Amino acid sequence: MADKATFILKDDSSEIVVRSEDIEEIVPDADFRFSLLILKSGDKHFVSGTKEEIEEKLEANAS
């Protein structure tokens, strides 16, 4: 599974590319506009999008 997608970070509007296999957990924020991506490496990133939007984006980019 090599699907990956680009996400916009909440804090500084920069972008990160994340592979689905690197994601440990997706935790929605209280206002549901952002989600916390917890990676298997231990890194954590607040990105724009709901949990469902993130999952859909990863699936759409599946190879």
N, C-alpha and C. Protein backbone atom coordinates (compact mmCIF):
# COMPACT_ATOMS: atom_id res chain seq x y z
N MET A 1 0.85 -1.18 0.00
CA MET A 1 0.00 0.00 0.00
C MET A 1 0.89 1.24 0.00
N ALA A 2 0.99 1.89 -1.14
CA ALA A 2 1.89 3.03 -1.26
C ALA A 2 1.13 4.33 -1.49
N ASP A 3 -0.12 4.38 -1.08
CA ASP A 3 -0.89 5.59 -1.29
C ASP A 3 -0.39 6.70 -0.38
N LYS A 4 -0.23 7.89 -0.97
CA LYS A 4 0.23 9.04 -0.20
C LYS A 4 -0.51 10.27 -0.68
N ALA A 5 -0.52 11.28 0.16
CA ALA A 5 -1.21 12.51 -0.18
C ALA A 5 -0.53 13.69 0.50
N THR A 6 -0.79 14.87 -0.03
CA THR A 6 -0.24 16.10 0.50
C THR A 6 -1.29 16.77 1.37
N PHE A 7 -0.88 17.24 2.55
CA PHE A 7 -1.78 17.88 3.49
C PHE A 7 -1.21 19.23 3.92
N ILE A 8 -2.11 20.16 4.22
CA ILE A 8 -1.70 21.49 4.67
C ILE A 8 -1.70 21.52 6.19
N LEU A 9 -0.57 21.96 6.77
CA LEU A 9 -0.44 22.04 8.22
C LEU A 9 -1.26 23.20 8.78
N LYS A 10 -1.84 22.99 9.94
CA LYS A 10 -2.67 24.00 10.59
C LYS A 10 -1.87 25.23 11.00
N ASP A 11 -0.69 25.05 11.57
CA ASP A 11 0.06 26.16 12.16
C ASP A 11 0.62 27.15 11.17
N ASP A 12 1.25 26.66 10.11
CA ASP A 12 1.95 27.59 9.22
C ASP A 12 1.57 27.46 7.75
N SER A 13 0.56 26.70 7.45
CA SER A 13 0.06 26.52 6.09
C SER A 13 1.07 25.90 5.13
N SER A 14 2.16 25.33 5.65
CA SER A 14 3.07 24.59 4.78
C SER A 14 2.47 23.22 4.51
N GLU A 15 3.09 22.48 3.60
CA GLU A 15 2.55 21.19 3.21
C GLU A 15 3.46 20.05 3.63
N ILE A 16 2.84 18.90 3.90
CA ILE A 16 3.60 17.68 4.15
C ILE A 16 3.00 16.57 3.28
N VAL A 17 3.82 15.62 2.94
CA VAL A 17 3.37 14.45 2.19
C VAL A 17 3.44 13.26 3.15
N VAL A 18 2.32 12.54 3.24
CA VAL A 18 2.23 11.42 4.18
C VAL A 18 1.73 10.19 3.43
N ARG A 19 2.36 9.07 3.69
CA ARG A 19 1.90 7.79 3.15
C ARG A 19 0.91 7.18 4.15
N SER A 20 -0.11 6.54 3.63
CA SER A 20 -1.13 5.95 4.51
C SER A 20 -0.53 4.93 5.46
N GLU A 21 0.47 4.19 5.01
CA GLU A 21 1.07 3.15 5.87
C GLU A 21 1.87 3.74 7.02
N ASP A 22 2.18 5.04 6.95
CA ASP A 22 2.92 5.69 8.03
C ASP A 22 2.01 6.23 9.13
N ILE A 23 0.71 6.23 8.89
CA ILE A 23 -0.24 6.80 9.84
C ILE A 23 -0.65 5.76 10.88
N GLU A 24 -0.44 6.10 12.13
CA GLU A 24 -0.86 5.24 13.25
C GLU A 24 -2.34 5.51 13.58
N GLU A 25 -2.69 6.80 13.61
CA GLU A 25 -4.05 7.19 14.02
C GLU A 25 -4.38 8.56 13.47
N ILE A 26 -5.67 8.78 13.18
CA ILE A 26 -6.18 10.09 12.77
C ILE A 26 -7.19 10.51 13.83
N VAL A 27 -6.90 11.62 14.50
CA VAL A 27 -7.76 12.09 15.59
C VAL A 27 -8.39 13.42 15.18
N PRO A 28 -9.73 13.48 15.07
CA PRO A 28 -10.38 14.73 14.69
C PRO A 28 -10.27 15.78 15.80
N ASP A 29 -10.12 17.04 15.39
CA ASP A 29 -10.09 18.16 16.32
C ASP A 29 -11.53 18.46 16.76
N ALA A 30 -11.68 19.20 17.84
CA ALA A 30 -13.00 19.49 18.39
C ALA A 30 -13.91 20.23 17.41
N ASP A 31 -13.33 21.11 16.58
CA ASP A 31 -14.18 21.85 15.63
C ASP A 31 -14.35 21.13 14.29
N PHE A 32 -13.72 19.96 14.15
CA PHE A 32 -13.84 19.09 12.97
C PHE A 32 -13.34 19.71 11.68
N ARG A 33 -12.57 20.80 11.74
CA ARG A 33 -11.97 21.37 10.53
C ARG A 33 -10.54 20.86 10.35
N PHE A 34 -9.95 20.35 11.43
CA PHE A 34 -8.58 19.86 11.41
C PHE A 34 -8.52 18.48 12.03
N SER A 35 -7.45 17.78 11.76
CA SER A 35 -7.24 16.46 12.36
C SER A 35 -5.78 16.33 12.75
N LEU A 36 -5.55 15.56 13.79
CA LEU A 36 -4.20 15.27 14.24
C LEU A 36 -3.78 13.94 13.62
N LEU A 37 -2.70 13.98 12.84
CA LEU A 37 -2.13 12.76 12.29
C LEU A 37 -1.03 12.29 13.22
N ILE A 38 -1.20 11.12 13.78
CA ILE A 38 -0.16 10.52 14.62
C ILE A 38 0.52 9.46 13.76
N LEU A 39 1.81 9.67 13.51
CA LEU A 39 2.54 8.75 12.64
C LEU A 39 3.21 7.65 13.46
N LYS A 40 3.50 6.55 12.82
CA LYS A 40 4.15 5.42 13.49
C LYS A 40 5.53 5.81 14.01
N SER A 41 6.13 6.83 13.42
CA SER A 41 7.45 7.32 13.86
C SER A 41 7.36 8.10 15.17
N GLY A 42 6.13 8.45 15.58
CA GLY A 42 5.93 9.25 16.78
C GLY A 42 5.68 10.71 16.47
N ASP A 43 5.90 11.13 15.22
CA ASP A 43 5.62 12.52 14.82
C ASP A 43 4.12 12.76 14.85
N LYS A 44 3.75 14.00 15.14
CA LYS A 44 2.35 14.41 15.17
C LYS A 44 2.21 15.70 14.38
N HIS A 45 1.17 15.75 13.54
CA HIS A 45 0.94 16.93 12.70
C HIS A 45 -0.55 17.26 12.69
N PHE A 46 -0.89 18.53 12.97
CA PHE A 46 -2.26 19.00 12.80
C PHE A 46 -2.40 19.43 11.35
N VAL A 47 -3.34 18.80 10.64
CA VAL A 47 -3.54 19.12 9.24
C VAL A 47 -4.98 19.55 8.99
N SER A 48 -5.17 20.27 7.91
CA SER A 48 -6.50 20.71 7.51
C SER A 48 -7.29 19.52 6.99
N GLY A 49 -8.55 19.39 7.41
CA GLY A 49 -9.42 18.32 6.92
C GLY A 49 -9.96 17.44 8.03
N THR A 50 -11.12 16.89 7.76
CA THR A 50 -11.73 15.95 8.70
C THR A 50 -11.10 14.57 8.51
N LYS A 51 -11.36 13.68 9.43
CA LYS A 51 -10.83 12.32 9.32
C LYS A 51 -11.31 11.68 8.02
N GLU A 52 -12.57 11.88 7.69
CA GLU A 52 -13.13 11.30 6.47
C GLU A 52 -12.48 11.89 5.22
N GLU A 53 -12.25 13.21 5.22
CA GLU A 53 -11.60 13.86 4.07
C GLU A 53 -10.18 13.33 3.87
N ILE A 54 -9.46 13.13 4.97
CA ILE A 54 -8.10 12.61 4.89
C ILE A 54 -8.10 11.19 4.34
N GLU A 55 -8.99 10.35 4.84
CA GLU A 55 -9.08 8.97 4.37
C GLU A 55 -9.44 8.93 2.89
N GLU A 56 -10.38 9.78 2.48
CA GLU A 56 -10.78 9.83 1.07
C GLU A 56 -9.62 10.28 0.18
N LYS A 57 -8.87 11.27 0.64
CA LYS A 57 -7.74 11.77 -0.13
C LYS A 57 -6.67 10.68 -0.30
N LEU A 58 -6.42 9.94 0.75
CA LEU A 58 -5.43 8.85 0.66
C LEU A 58 -5.91 7.75 -0.28
N GLU A 59 -7.18 7.41 -0.21
CA GLU A 59 -7.74 6.38 -1.08
C GLU A 59 -7.73 6.82 -2.54
N ALA A 60 -8.01 8.11 -2.79
CA ALA A 60 -8.03 8.63 -4.15
C ALA A 60 -6.64 8.60 -4.79
N ASN A 61 -5.60 8.66 -3.96
CA ASN A 61 -4.24 8.65 -4.47
C ASN A 61 -3.60 7.27 -4.41
N ALA A 62 -4.39 6.25 -4.15
CA ALA A 62 -3.87 4.88 -4.07
C ALA A 62 -3.34 4.45 -5.44
N SER A 63 -2.21 3.73 -5.39
CA SER A 63 -1.66 3.27 -6.67
C SER A 63 -2.07 1.86 -6.97
